[in-house]
Amino acid sequence: MTGLSTWLYWLSNFIFDYCIFLVYFTTMFFLFLFWDRQFEYNLYFTQFNSTIAFISLFITFGLASIPFAYLVSLLFKKPSTAFGMICLISVITGIGIGVIATFFETILEEKASPETRLMFYSFFWFSRLSPVVSLILGTQKLFTLDSTRNVCAQFQQSLRAILCGIYAASQKSNPELEENKVLKPERCCDGMFLLYF
C-alpha cells in the first residue's frame, strides 16, 4: 500500500468502485427508461415516487454491495476465487430467494400457519442482509405496485368507487374473505395504495 493508511486505501477503492458503479447504473437507467417508453409499459417512470424509489434502490444497492464484496473478498486468498464465490452467492441467493418470495406471497402466505409465517418472515429478514436479495425483492415490490396502479387506472372512477365500497363493506362483515386475500383489491382504492409503497 506504499505507506497509505488502511482506511484511506479502502476509502479510495470504494470511491473509485462506486464511480464505476454509477456509470453502469446511469447506462442501465437510460436503457430501462428507453424500454419503458418504447414499449409503453408505464412502469417505474410514470410517477415521481416510482422513479425516486427505483433510483434509490439501485443507489443504495451500490452503497451496500461494494463493502459487502470487500468483506467477502477478505475470506479468500485469491481474488479470482473471491470474485467467483461472490457471483455464485449473488446468483443463488438473488434468484432463489426472489422466486421463493414470489411463490410464498402469491400462494402460501394466507394458507400458512402463524408459526410458518413467522419463520418465513424471519428468514427473509436475515436474507435481506445480502444486497442482491434486497435489490431483487425491492424491485419486485416496485413492479407489483406500478403494474397494479396501471390496472387500477383502467377502471373508471365510478366503478373503482363501487369496488372499493364493496371491499370496505366486506372488511367489516367478513375480513377473512378468500377472494380479498388473493385479489388484494385494496391496492386500487384511493388512499390505500400509499400503504403498500
N, C-alpha and C. Protein backbone atom coordinates (compact mmCIF):
# COMPACT_ATOMS: atom_id res chain seq x y z
N MET A 1 0.83 -1.21 0.00
CA MET A 1 0.00 0.00 0.00
C MET A 1 0.86 1.26 0.00
N THR A 2 2.16 1.11 -0.13
CA THR A 2 3.12 2.22 -0.26
C THR A 2 2.90 3.33 0.75
N GLY A 3 2.78 2.97 2.02
CA GLY A 3 2.68 3.95 3.09
C GLY A 3 1.31 4.57 3.27
N LEU A 4 0.33 4.15 2.52
CA LEU A 4 -1.02 4.68 2.64
C LEU A 4 -1.70 4.05 3.84
N SER A 5 -2.45 4.84 4.60
CA SER A 5 -3.16 4.28 5.75
C SER A 5 -4.26 3.35 5.26
N THR A 6 -4.64 2.39 6.10
CA THR A 6 -5.62 1.37 5.72
C THR A 6 -6.96 1.99 5.36
N TRP A 7 -7.44 2.90 6.20
CA TRP A 7 -8.77 3.48 5.92
C TRP A 7 -8.77 4.30 4.65
N LEU A 8 -7.67 4.99 4.35
CA LEU A 8 -7.58 5.77 3.12
C LEU A 8 -7.52 4.86 1.90
N TYR A 9 -6.83 3.72 2.04
CA TYR A 9 -6.75 2.74 0.95
C TYR A 9 -8.15 2.22 0.61
N TRP A 10 -8.92 1.81 1.63
CA TRP A 10 -10.25 1.27 1.38
C TRP A 10 -11.21 2.35 0.91
N LEU A 11 -11.10 3.55 1.45
CA LEU A 11 -11.97 4.65 1.04
C LEU A 11 -11.72 5.02 -0.43
N SER A 12 -10.47 5.10 -0.83
CA SER A 12 -10.18 5.44 -2.23
C SER A 12 -10.65 4.34 -3.16
N ASN A 13 -10.50 3.08 -2.76
CA ASN A 13 -11.03 1.97 -3.56
C ASN A 13 -12.55 2.06 -3.67
N PHE A 14 -13.19 2.36 -2.55
CA PHE A 14 -14.65 2.45 -2.55
C PHE A 14 -15.13 3.58 -3.47
N ILE A 15 -14.50 4.74 -3.38
CA ILE A 15 -14.90 5.87 -4.23
C ILE A 15 -14.72 5.53 -5.70
N PHE A 16 -13.59 4.92 -6.04
CA PHE A 16 -13.36 4.53 -7.43
C PHE A 16 -14.40 3.50 -7.89
N ASP A 17 -14.63 2.46 -7.08
CA ASP A 17 -15.59 1.42 -7.45
C ASP A 17 -17.01 1.98 -7.54
N TYR A 18 -17.35 2.91 -6.64
CA TYR A 18 -18.70 3.47 -6.68
C TYR A 18 -18.88 4.36 -7.92
N CYS A 19 -17.85 5.07 -8.32
CA CYS A 19 -17.93 5.87 -9.55
C CYS A 19 -18.15 4.96 -10.76
N ILE A 20 -17.45 3.83 -10.81
CA ILE A 20 -17.66 2.85 -11.89
C ILE A 20 -19.10 2.34 -11.84
N PHE A 21 -19.58 2.03 -10.63
CA PHE A 21 -20.96 1.57 -10.47
C PHE A 21 -21.95 2.61 -10.98
N LEU A 22 -21.72 3.88 -10.67
CA LEU A 22 -22.63 4.95 -11.11
C LEU A 22 -22.67 5.07 -12.63
N VAL A 23 -21.54 4.83 -13.29
CA VAL A 23 -21.52 4.84 -14.76
C VAL A 23 -22.40 3.71 -15.29
N TYR A 24 -22.23 2.50 -14.72
CA TYR A 24 -23.08 1.37 -15.13
C TYR A 24 -24.55 1.64 -14.82
N PHE A 25 -24.82 2.17 -13.65
CA PHE A 25 -26.21 2.44 -13.28
C PHE A 25 -26.85 3.47 -14.20
N THR A 26 -26.12 4.53 -14.51
CA THR A 26 -26.66 5.56 -15.40
C THR A 26 -27.00 4.98 -16.77
N THR A 27 -26.11 4.15 -17.30
CA THR A 27 -26.37 3.49 -18.57
C THR A 27 -27.61 2.60 -18.47
N MET A 28 -27.69 1.81 -17.39
CA MET A 28 -28.83 0.91 -17.20
C MET A 28 -30.12 1.71 -17.01
N PHE A 29 -30.04 2.82 -16.30
CA PHE A 29 -31.22 3.65 -16.07
C PHE A 29 -31.81 4.12 -17.39
N PHE A 30 -30.96 4.61 -18.29
CA PHE A 30 -31.46 5.10 -19.56
C PHE A 30 -31.96 3.96 -20.45
N LEU A 31 -31.35 2.79 -20.33
CA LEU A 31 -31.87 1.62 -21.07
C LEU A 31 -33.26 1.24 -20.56
N PHE A 32 -33.44 1.22 -19.25
CA PHE A 32 -34.76 0.94 -18.67
C PHE A 32 -35.77 2.00 -19.09
N LEU A 33 -35.35 3.25 -19.07
CA LEU A 33 -36.24 4.34 -19.46
C LEU A 33 -36.66 4.21 -20.92
N PHE A 34 -35.69 3.89 -21.79
CA PHE A 34 -35.99 3.68 -23.20
C PHE A 34 -36.95 2.50 -23.38
N TRP A 35 -36.67 1.41 -22.70
CA TRP A 35 -37.52 0.21 -22.77
C TRP A 35 -38.94 0.53 -22.29
N ASP A 36 -39.04 1.27 -21.21
CA ASP A 36 -40.34 1.63 -20.65
C ASP A 36 -41.14 2.51 -21.61
N ARG A 37 -40.48 3.47 -22.23
CA ARG A 37 -41.16 4.38 -23.15
C ARG A 37 -41.44 3.72 -24.50
N GLN A 38 -40.49 2.95 -24.99
CA GLN A 38 -40.62 2.35 -26.31
C GLN A 38 -41.80 1.37 -26.38
N PHE A 39 -41.94 0.56 -25.35
CA PHE A 39 -42.99 -0.46 -25.35
C PHE A 39 -44.22 -0.05 -24.52
N GLU A 40 -44.22 1.17 -24.00
CA GLU A 40 -45.34 1.74 -23.26
C GLU A 40 -45.80 0.87 -22.10
N TYR A 41 -44.83 0.38 -21.33
CA TYR A 41 -45.17 -0.42 -20.16
C TYR A 41 -45.64 0.46 -19.00
N ASN A 42 -45.18 1.70 -18.97
CA ASN A 42 -45.55 2.65 -17.91
C ASN A 42 -45.20 2.12 -16.52
N LEU A 43 -44.01 1.59 -16.40
CA LEU A 43 -43.52 1.13 -15.10
C LEU A 43 -42.32 1.97 -14.70
N TYR A 44 -42.18 2.17 -13.42
CA TYR A 44 -41.02 2.81 -12.81
C TYR A 44 -40.89 4.31 -13.08
N PHE A 45 -41.33 4.82 -14.23
CA PHE A 45 -41.01 6.19 -14.60
C PHE A 45 -42.22 7.08 -14.85
N THR A 46 -43.42 6.60 -14.66
CA THR A 46 -44.59 7.42 -14.93
C THR A 46 -44.98 8.28 -13.73
N GLN A 47 -44.61 7.86 -12.54
CA GLN A 47 -44.88 8.66 -11.35
C GLN A 47 -43.57 9.01 -10.67
N PHE A 48 -43.53 10.19 -10.09
CA PHE A 48 -42.32 10.67 -9.45
C PHE A 48 -41.87 9.72 -8.33
N ASN A 49 -42.82 9.25 -7.50
CA ASN A 49 -42.48 8.36 -6.40
C ASN A 49 -41.84 7.07 -6.89
N SER A 50 -42.35 6.52 -7.98
CA SER A 50 -41.80 5.28 -8.53
C SER A 50 -40.38 5.49 -9.05
N THR A 51 -40.16 6.61 -9.71
CA THR A 51 -38.82 6.90 -10.24
C THR A 51 -37.83 7.08 -9.10
N ILE A 52 -38.21 7.81 -8.08
CA ILE A 52 -37.33 8.01 -6.92
C ILE A 52 -37.04 6.68 -6.23
N ALA A 53 -38.07 5.84 -6.09
CA ALA A 53 -37.87 4.53 -5.45
C ALA A 53 -36.93 3.67 -6.29
N PHE A 54 -37.09 3.68 -7.60
CA PHE A 54 -36.23 2.91 -8.50
C PHE A 54 -34.77 3.37 -8.38
N ILE A 55 -34.56 4.67 -8.44
CA ILE A 55 -33.20 5.21 -8.32
C ILE A 55 -32.62 4.90 -6.94
N SER A 56 -33.42 5.07 -5.90
CA SER A 56 -32.96 4.82 -4.53
C SER A 56 -32.54 3.37 -4.33
N LEU A 57 -33.32 2.46 -4.90
CA LEU A 57 -32.98 1.03 -4.79
C LEU A 57 -31.58 0.76 -5.33
N PHE A 58 -31.29 1.29 -6.51
CA PHE A 58 -30.01 1.00 -7.14
C PHE A 58 -28.86 1.79 -6.52
N ILE A 59 -29.11 3.01 -6.11
CA ILE A 59 -28.05 3.79 -5.46
C ILE A 59 -27.65 3.13 -4.14
N THR A 60 -28.63 2.73 -3.35
CA THR A 60 -28.31 2.08 -2.07
C THR A 60 -27.73 0.68 -2.29
N PHE A 61 -28.14 0.02 -3.39
CA PHE A 61 -27.53 -1.27 -3.72
C PHE A 61 -26.02 -1.11 -3.91
N GLY A 62 -25.62 -0.08 -4.63
CA GLY A 62 -24.19 0.16 -4.83
C GLY A 62 -23.48 0.45 -3.53
N LEU A 63 -24.12 1.25 -2.68
CA LEU A 63 -23.51 1.58 -1.38
C LEU A 63 -23.36 0.34 -0.50
N ALA A 64 -24.27 -0.62 -0.64
CA ALA A 64 -24.21 -1.83 0.20
C ALA A 64 -23.37 -2.94 -0.43
N SER A 65 -23.47 -3.10 -1.75
CA SER A 65 -22.83 -4.25 -2.37
C SER A 65 -21.31 -4.13 -2.46
N ILE A 66 -20.80 -2.93 -2.61
CA ILE A 66 -19.35 -2.78 -2.72
C ILE A 66 -18.66 -3.13 -1.39
N PRO A 67 -19.09 -2.58 -0.24
CA PRO A 67 -18.48 -3.03 1.02
C PRO A 67 -18.72 -4.52 1.30
N PHE A 68 -19.89 -5.04 0.90
CA PHE A 68 -20.17 -6.47 1.05
C PHE A 68 -19.15 -7.30 0.27
N ALA A 69 -18.85 -6.88 -0.95
CA ALA A 69 -17.84 -7.59 -1.76
C ALA A 69 -16.46 -7.49 -1.13
N TYR A 70 -16.13 -6.33 -0.56
CA TYR A 70 -14.84 -6.19 0.11
C TYR A 70 -14.74 -7.16 1.29
N LEU A 71 -15.82 -7.25 2.08
CA LEU A 71 -15.79 -8.13 3.25
C LEU A 71 -15.66 -9.59 2.84
N VAL A 72 -16.42 -10.00 1.83
CA VAL A 72 -16.35 -11.40 1.39
C VAL A 72 -14.99 -11.70 0.78
N SER A 73 -14.40 -10.73 0.09
CA SER A 73 -13.09 -10.98 -0.53
C SER A 73 -12.00 -11.24 0.50
N LEU A 74 -12.19 -10.73 1.72
CA LEU A 74 -11.19 -10.97 2.76
C LEU A 74 -11.17 -12.42 3.24
N LEU A 75 -12.23 -13.17 2.94
CA LEU A 75 -12.30 -14.56 3.36
C LEU A 75 -11.49 -15.50 2.47
N PHE A 76 -11.02 -15.02 1.33
CA PHE A 76 -10.33 -15.87 0.36
C PHE A 76 -8.92 -15.35 0.11
N LYS A 77 -8.03 -16.28 -0.25
CA LYS A 77 -6.65 -15.90 -0.51
C LYS A 77 -6.46 -15.35 -1.92
N LYS A 78 -7.22 -15.90 -2.89
CA LYS A 78 -7.06 -15.48 -4.27
C LYS A 78 -8.24 -14.60 -4.70
N PRO A 79 -7.96 -13.47 -5.34
CA PRO A 79 -9.05 -12.60 -5.80
C PRO A 79 -10.01 -13.29 -6.77
N SER A 80 -9.51 -14.16 -7.62
CA SER A 80 -10.37 -14.85 -8.58
C SER A 80 -11.37 -15.76 -7.88
N THR A 81 -10.92 -16.43 -6.81
CA THR A 81 -11.83 -17.28 -6.03
C THR A 81 -12.90 -16.43 -5.35
N ALA A 82 -12.48 -15.30 -4.78
CA ALA A 82 -13.45 -14.40 -4.11
C ALA A 82 -14.48 -13.89 -5.11
N PHE A 83 -14.03 -13.48 -6.30
CA PHE A 83 -14.94 -12.98 -7.32
C PHE A 83 -15.94 -14.06 -7.72
N GLY A 84 -15.46 -15.27 -7.95
CA GLY A 84 -16.33 -16.38 -8.33
C GLY A 84 -17.36 -16.71 -7.26
N MET A 85 -16.93 -16.70 -6.01
CA MET A 85 -17.85 -17.01 -4.91
C MET A 85 -18.91 -15.91 -4.73
N ILE A 86 -18.49 -14.66 -4.86
CA ILE A 86 -19.46 -13.56 -4.74
C ILE A 86 -20.50 -13.66 -5.85
N CYS A 87 -20.06 -13.94 -7.06
CA CYS A 87 -21.01 -14.09 -8.18
C CYS A 87 -21.96 -15.26 -7.93
N LEU A 88 -21.42 -16.38 -7.49
CA LEU A 88 -22.23 -17.57 -7.24
C LEU A 88 -23.25 -17.32 -6.12
N ILE A 89 -22.79 -16.73 -5.04
CA ILE A 89 -23.69 -16.44 -3.91
C ILE A 89 -24.78 -15.45 -4.34
N SER A 90 -24.40 -14.44 -5.11
CA SER A 90 -25.37 -13.43 -5.55
C SER A 90 -26.44 -14.04 -6.45
N VAL A 91 -26.03 -14.89 -7.38
CA VAL A 91 -26.99 -15.50 -8.29
C VAL A 91 -27.92 -16.44 -7.54
N ILE A 92 -27.36 -17.29 -6.70
CA ILE A 92 -28.18 -18.27 -5.97
C ILE A 92 -29.13 -17.58 -5.00
N THR A 93 -28.61 -16.67 -4.21
CA THR A 93 -29.48 -16.02 -3.23
C THR A 93 -30.47 -15.09 -3.90
N GLY A 94 -30.01 -14.32 -4.88
CA GLY A 94 -30.89 -13.36 -5.53
C GLY A 94 -32.04 -14.02 -6.27
N ILE A 95 -31.72 -14.93 -7.15
CA ILE A 95 -32.77 -15.59 -7.94
C ILE A 95 -33.58 -16.54 -7.07
N GLY A 96 -32.90 -17.36 -6.28
CA GLY A 96 -33.60 -18.35 -5.45
C GLY A 96 -34.56 -17.72 -4.46
N ILE A 97 -34.10 -16.74 -3.73
CA ILE A 97 -34.96 -16.13 -2.72
C ILE A 97 -36.04 -15.29 -3.38
N GLY A 98 -35.74 -14.69 -4.53
CA GLY A 98 -36.77 -13.95 -5.25
C GLY A 98 -37.92 -14.85 -5.69
N VAL A 99 -37.59 -16.03 -6.19
CA VAL A 99 -38.63 -17.00 -6.61
C VAL A 99 -39.40 -17.50 -5.41
N ILE A 100 -38.70 -17.83 -4.33
CA ILE A 100 -39.37 -18.32 -3.12
C ILE A 100 -40.31 -17.25 -2.56
N ALA A 101 -39.86 -16.00 -2.54
CA ALA A 101 -40.70 -14.90 -2.02
C ALA A 101 -41.96 -14.74 -2.85
N THR A 102 -41.82 -14.77 -4.16
CA THR A 102 -42.99 -14.64 -5.03
C THR A 102 -43.95 -15.79 -4.81
N PHE A 103 -43.43 -16.99 -4.76
CA PHE A 103 -44.27 -18.17 -4.55
C PHE A 103 -45.01 -18.08 -3.22
N PHE A 104 -44.29 -17.70 -2.17
CA PHE A 104 -44.92 -17.61 -0.84
C PHE A 104 -46.00 -16.54 -0.80
N GLU A 105 -45.69 -15.36 -1.34
CA GLU A 105 -46.65 -14.25 -1.27
C GLU A 105 -47.89 -14.50 -2.11
N THR A 106 -47.76 -15.21 -3.23
CA THR A 106 -48.92 -15.41 -4.10
C THR A 106 -49.72 -16.66 -3.76
N ILE A 107 -49.09 -17.67 -3.17
CA ILE A 107 -49.79 -18.93 -2.96
C ILE A 107 -49.91 -19.33 -1.49
N LEU A 108 -48.82 -19.25 -0.76
CA LEU A 108 -48.79 -19.86 0.57
C LEU A 108 -49.07 -18.92 1.73
N GLU A 109 -48.90 -17.61 1.54
CA GLU A 109 -48.93 -16.69 2.67
C GLU A 109 -50.22 -16.80 3.48
N GLU A 110 -51.36 -16.79 2.83
CA GLU A 110 -52.63 -16.81 3.55
C GLU A 110 -52.98 -18.20 4.09
N LYS A 111 -52.39 -19.24 3.52
CA LYS A 111 -52.72 -20.60 3.95
C LYS A 111 -51.78 -21.11 5.03
N ALA A 112 -50.66 -20.44 5.20
CA ALA A 112 -49.66 -20.90 6.15
C ALA A 112 -50.08 -20.59 7.59
N SER A 113 -49.60 -21.43 8.49
CA SER A 113 -49.88 -21.21 9.90
C SER A 113 -49.09 -19.99 10.40
N PRO A 114 -49.50 -19.40 11.51
CA PRO A 114 -48.75 -18.25 12.04
C PRO A 114 -47.29 -18.57 12.32
N GLU A 115 -47.01 -19.80 12.76
CA GLU A 115 -45.62 -20.19 13.04
C GLU A 115 -44.80 -20.23 11.76
N THR A 116 -45.41 -20.79 10.69
CA THR A 116 -44.72 -20.86 9.41
C THR A 116 -44.47 -19.47 8.86
N ARG A 117 -45.47 -18.58 8.97
CA ARG A 117 -45.28 -17.20 8.51
C ARG A 117 -44.17 -16.51 9.28
N LEU A 118 -44.14 -16.70 10.60
CA LEU A 118 -43.09 -16.09 11.41
C LEU A 118 -41.72 -16.60 11.00
N MET A 119 -41.61 -17.90 10.77
CA MET A 119 -40.33 -18.49 10.35
C MET A 119 -39.92 -17.93 8.98
N PHE A 120 -40.89 -17.85 8.07
CA PHE A 120 -40.60 -17.36 6.73
C PHE A 120 -40.16 -15.90 6.76
N TYR A 121 -40.88 -15.06 7.50
CA TYR A 121 -40.52 -13.64 7.56
C TYR A 121 -39.19 -13.43 8.31
N SER A 122 -38.89 -14.27 9.28
CA SER A 122 -37.59 -14.18 9.96
C SER A 122 -36.47 -14.53 8.99
N PHE A 123 -36.69 -15.57 8.20
CA PHE A 123 -35.71 -15.98 7.19
C PHE A 123 -35.48 -14.84 6.20
N PHE A 124 -36.58 -14.18 5.78
CA PHE A 124 -36.43 -13.09 4.83
C PHE A 124 -35.75 -11.89 5.44
N TRP A 125 -35.97 -11.66 6.71
CA TRP A 125 -35.29 -10.54 7.36
C TRP A 125 -33.77 -10.75 7.29
N PHE A 126 -33.32 -11.97 7.59
CA PHE A 126 -31.89 -12.25 7.54
C PHE A 126 -31.36 -12.29 6.12
N SER A 127 -32.16 -12.78 5.19
CA SER A 127 -31.70 -12.86 3.80
C SER A 127 -31.52 -11.48 3.18
N ARG A 128 -32.21 -10.48 3.71
CA ARG A 128 -32.07 -9.12 3.18
C ARG A 128 -30.72 -8.50 3.54
N LEU A 129 -29.94 -9.17 4.36
CA LEU A 129 -28.59 -8.70 4.61
C LEU A 129 -27.73 -8.79 3.35
N SER A 130 -28.15 -9.64 2.42
CA SER A 130 -27.47 -9.72 1.12
C SER A 130 -28.00 -8.57 0.25
N PRO A 131 -27.13 -7.72 -0.25
CA PRO A 131 -27.59 -6.60 -1.07
C PRO A 131 -28.38 -7.03 -2.31
N VAL A 132 -28.00 -8.15 -2.91
CA VAL A 132 -28.69 -8.63 -4.11
C VAL A 132 -30.13 -9.00 -3.78
N VAL A 133 -30.33 -9.68 -2.66
CA VAL A 133 -31.69 -10.07 -2.27
C VAL A 133 -32.54 -8.82 -2.02
N SER A 134 -32.00 -7.85 -1.33
CA SER A 134 -32.75 -6.61 -1.07
C SER A 134 -33.10 -5.91 -2.37
N LEU A 135 -32.18 -5.87 -3.32
CA LEU A 135 -32.45 -5.24 -4.61
C LEU A 135 -33.55 -5.97 -5.36
N ILE A 136 -33.47 -7.28 -5.43
CA ILE A 136 -34.47 -8.05 -6.18
C ILE A 136 -35.84 -7.96 -5.53
N LEU A 137 -35.92 -8.10 -4.22
CA LEU A 137 -37.22 -8.02 -3.55
C LEU A 137 -37.81 -6.61 -3.66
N GLY A 138 -36.96 -5.60 -3.56
CA GLY A 138 -37.45 -4.23 -3.70
C GLY A 138 -37.94 -3.94 -5.11
N THR A 139 -37.22 -4.43 -6.11
CA THR A 139 -37.63 -4.24 -7.49
C THR A 139 -38.92 -5.00 -7.78
N GLN A 140 -39.05 -6.20 -7.23
CA GLN A 140 -40.30 -6.95 -7.39
C GLN A 140 -41.48 -6.20 -6.78
N LYS A 141 -41.28 -5.66 -5.60
CA LYS A 141 -42.35 -4.91 -4.93
C LYS A 141 -42.72 -3.67 -5.75
N LEU A 142 -41.74 -2.96 -6.25
CA LEU A 142 -42.00 -1.78 -7.06
C LEU A 142 -42.73 -2.15 -8.35
N PHE A 143 -42.33 -3.24 -8.98
CA PHE A 143 -43.01 -3.71 -10.19
C PHE A 143 -44.47 -4.04 -9.89
N THR A 144 -44.71 -4.73 -8.78
CA THR A 144 -46.08 -5.10 -8.40
C THR A 144 -46.93 -3.86 -8.18
N LEU A 145 -46.40 -2.89 -7.47
CA LEU A 145 -47.15 -1.66 -7.20
C LEU A 145 -47.44 -0.88 -8.47
N ASP A 146 -46.45 -0.76 -9.35
CA ASP A 146 -46.66 0.00 -10.59
C ASP A 146 -47.60 -0.71 -11.55
N SER A 147 -47.46 -2.03 -11.66
CA SER A 147 -48.37 -2.75 -12.56
C SER A 147 -49.79 -2.74 -12.01
N THR A 148 -49.95 -2.83 -10.69
CA THR A 148 -51.28 -2.73 -10.08
C THR A 148 -51.87 -1.35 -10.33
N ARG A 149 -51.05 -0.31 -10.20
CA ARG A 149 -51.52 1.05 -10.47
C ARG A 149 -52.00 1.17 -11.92
N ASN A 150 -51.28 0.55 -12.85
CA ASN A 150 -51.70 0.60 -14.25
C ASN A 150 -53.04 -0.10 -14.46
N VAL A 151 -53.24 -1.24 -13.81
CA VAL A 151 -54.52 -1.94 -13.94
C VAL A 151 -55.64 -1.11 -13.31
N CYS A 152 -55.39 -0.56 -12.14
CA CYS A 152 -56.40 0.25 -11.45
C CYS A 152 -56.77 1.49 -12.26
N ALA A 153 -55.79 2.06 -12.96
CA ALA A 153 -56.05 3.27 -13.75
C ALA A 153 -57.00 3.00 -14.90
N GLN A 154 -57.12 1.75 -15.31
CA GLN A 154 -58.01 1.41 -16.41
C GLN A 154 -59.48 1.37 -15.98
N PHE A 155 -59.73 1.28 -14.68
CA PHE A 155 -61.11 1.30 -14.19
C PHE A 155 -61.61 2.74 -14.19
N GLN A 156 -62.87 2.93 -14.51
CA GLN A 156 -63.47 4.24 -14.38
C GLN A 156 -63.55 4.58 -12.89
N GLN A 157 -63.51 5.87 -12.59
CA GLN A 157 -63.54 6.31 -11.20
C GLN A 157 -64.79 5.81 -10.49
N SER A 158 -65.95 5.84 -11.17
CA SER A 158 -67.19 5.39 -10.54
C SER A 158 -67.16 3.90 -10.24
N LEU A 159 -66.60 3.11 -11.17
CA LEU A 159 -66.50 1.67 -10.95
C LEU A 159 -65.53 1.36 -9.81
N ARG A 160 -64.44 2.12 -9.76
CA ARG A 160 -63.48 1.92 -8.68
C ARG A 160 -64.10 2.25 -7.33
N ALA A 161 -64.92 3.29 -7.28
CA ALA A 161 -65.60 3.67 -6.03
C ALA A 161 -66.54 2.55 -5.58
N ILE A 162 -67.24 1.93 -6.53
CA ILE A 162 -68.14 0.81 -6.18
C ILE A 162 -67.34 -0.37 -5.66
N LEU A 163 -66.25 -0.72 -6.37
CA LEU A 163 -65.42 -1.86 -5.95
C LEU A 163 -64.81 -1.61 -4.56
N CYS A 164 -64.36 -0.40 -4.32
CA CYS A 164 -63.75 -0.09 -3.02
C CYS A 164 -64.80 -0.06 -1.92
N GLY A 165 -66.03 0.36 -2.26
CA GLY A 165 -67.12 0.32 -1.28
C GLY A 165 -67.46 -1.10 -0.90
N ILE A 166 -67.50 -1.99 -1.90
CA ILE A 166 -67.75 -3.41 -1.63
C ILE A 166 -66.63 -3.99 -0.78
N TYR A 167 -65.40 -3.61 -1.12
CA TYR A 167 -64.26 -4.10 -0.35
C TYR A 167 -64.33 -3.62 1.10
N ALA A 168 -64.63 -2.35 1.30
CA ALA A 168 -64.71 -1.80 2.67
C ALA A 168 -65.81 -2.49 3.46
N ALA A 169 -66.96 -2.74 2.81
CA ALA A 169 -68.07 -3.44 3.49
C ALA A 169 -67.69 -4.87 3.83
N SER A 170 -66.98 -5.55 2.93
CA SER A 170 -66.58 -6.94 3.20
C SER A 170 -65.55 -7.01 4.31
N GLN A 171 -64.73 -5.97 4.44
CA GLN A 171 -63.74 -5.94 5.52
C GLN A 171 -64.43 -5.86 6.88
N LYS A 172 -65.58 -5.17 6.93
CA LYS A 172 -66.31 -5.06 8.19
C LYS A 172 -67.08 -6.33 8.50
N SER A 173 -67.68 -6.92 7.46
CA SER A 173 -68.53 -8.09 7.69
C SER A 173 -67.76 -9.41 7.65
N ASN A 174 -66.77 -9.52 6.76
CA ASN A 174 -66.05 -10.79 6.60
C ASN A 174 -64.60 -10.50 6.21
N PRO A 175 -63.76 -10.09 7.17
CA PRO A 175 -62.39 -9.72 6.83
C PRO A 175 -61.54 -10.89 6.33
N GLU A 176 -61.98 -12.12 6.55
CA GLU A 176 -61.21 -13.28 6.11
C GLU A 176 -61.66 -13.82 4.76
N LEU A 177 -62.41 -13.02 3.98
CA LEU A 177 -62.92 -13.44 2.69
C LEU A 177 -61.76 -13.84 1.78
N GLU A 178 -61.80 -15.06 1.27
CA GLU A 178 -60.70 -15.63 0.49
C GLU A 178 -60.39 -14.81 -0.77
N GLU A 179 -61.42 -14.32 -1.45
CA GLU A 179 -61.20 -13.56 -2.69
C GLU A 179 -60.38 -12.30 -2.44
N ASN A 180 -60.63 -11.65 -1.30
CA ASN A 180 -59.88 -10.43 -0.99
C ASN A 180 -58.41 -10.73 -0.73
N LYS A 181 -58.11 -11.90 -0.19
CA LYS A 181 -56.72 -12.24 0.09
C LYS A 181 -55.94 -12.47 -1.19
N VAL A 182 -56.60 -13.04 -2.19
CA VAL A 182 -55.93 -13.35 -3.44
C VAL A 182 -55.86 -12.12 -4.35
N LEU A 183 -56.99 -11.42 -4.52
CA LEU A 183 -57.06 -10.30 -5.46
C LEU A 183 -56.45 -9.02 -4.91
N LYS A 184 -56.48 -8.86 -3.58
CA LYS A 184 -55.96 -7.66 -2.92
C LYS A 184 -56.54 -6.38 -3.53
N PRO A 185 -57.88 -6.24 -3.54
CA PRO A 185 -58.49 -5.06 -4.18
C PRO A 185 -58.17 -3.75 -3.48
N GLU A 186 -57.67 -3.81 -2.27
CA GLU A 186 -57.36 -2.57 -1.55
C GLU A 186 -56.29 -1.75 -2.26
N ARG A 187 -55.53 -2.37 -3.14
CA ARG A 187 -54.49 -1.64 -3.86
C ARG A 187 -55.06 -0.66 -4.87
N CYS A 188 -56.32 -0.83 -5.26
CA CYS A 188 -56.96 0.08 -6.21
C CYS A 188 -57.73 1.20 -5.53
N CYS A 189 -57.90 1.11 -4.22
CA CYS A 189 -58.73 2.09 -3.53
C CYS A 189 -57.92 3.34 -3.19
N ASP A 190 -58.52 4.50 -3.42
CA ASP A 190 -57.84 5.77 -3.14
C ASP A 190 -57.43 5.85 -1.69
N GLY A 191 -56.22 6.32 -1.47
CA GLY A 191 -55.73 6.49 -0.11
C GLY A 191 -55.15 5.21 0.48
N MET A 192 -55.44 4.06 -0.10
CA MET A 192 -54.91 2.81 0.43
C MET A 192 -53.68 2.37 -0.33
N PHE A 193 -53.49 2.88 -1.56
CA PHE A 193 -52.34 2.49 -2.37
C PHE A 193 -51.04 2.88 -1.70
N LEU A 194 -51.03 4.02 -1.03
CA LEU A 194 -49.81 4.51 -0.38
C LEU A 194 -49.37 3.61 0.75
N LEU A 195 -50.29 2.84 1.32
CA LEU A 195 -49.92 1.94 2.42
C LEU A 195 -48.98 0.83 1.94
N TYR A 196 -48.96 0.56 0.65
CA TYR A 196 -48.16 -0.53 0.12
C TYR A 196 -46.88 -0.04 -0.52
N PHE A 197 -46.64 1.25 -0.48
CA PHE A 197 -45.42 1.79 -1.10
C PHE A 197 -44.34 1.93 -0.07
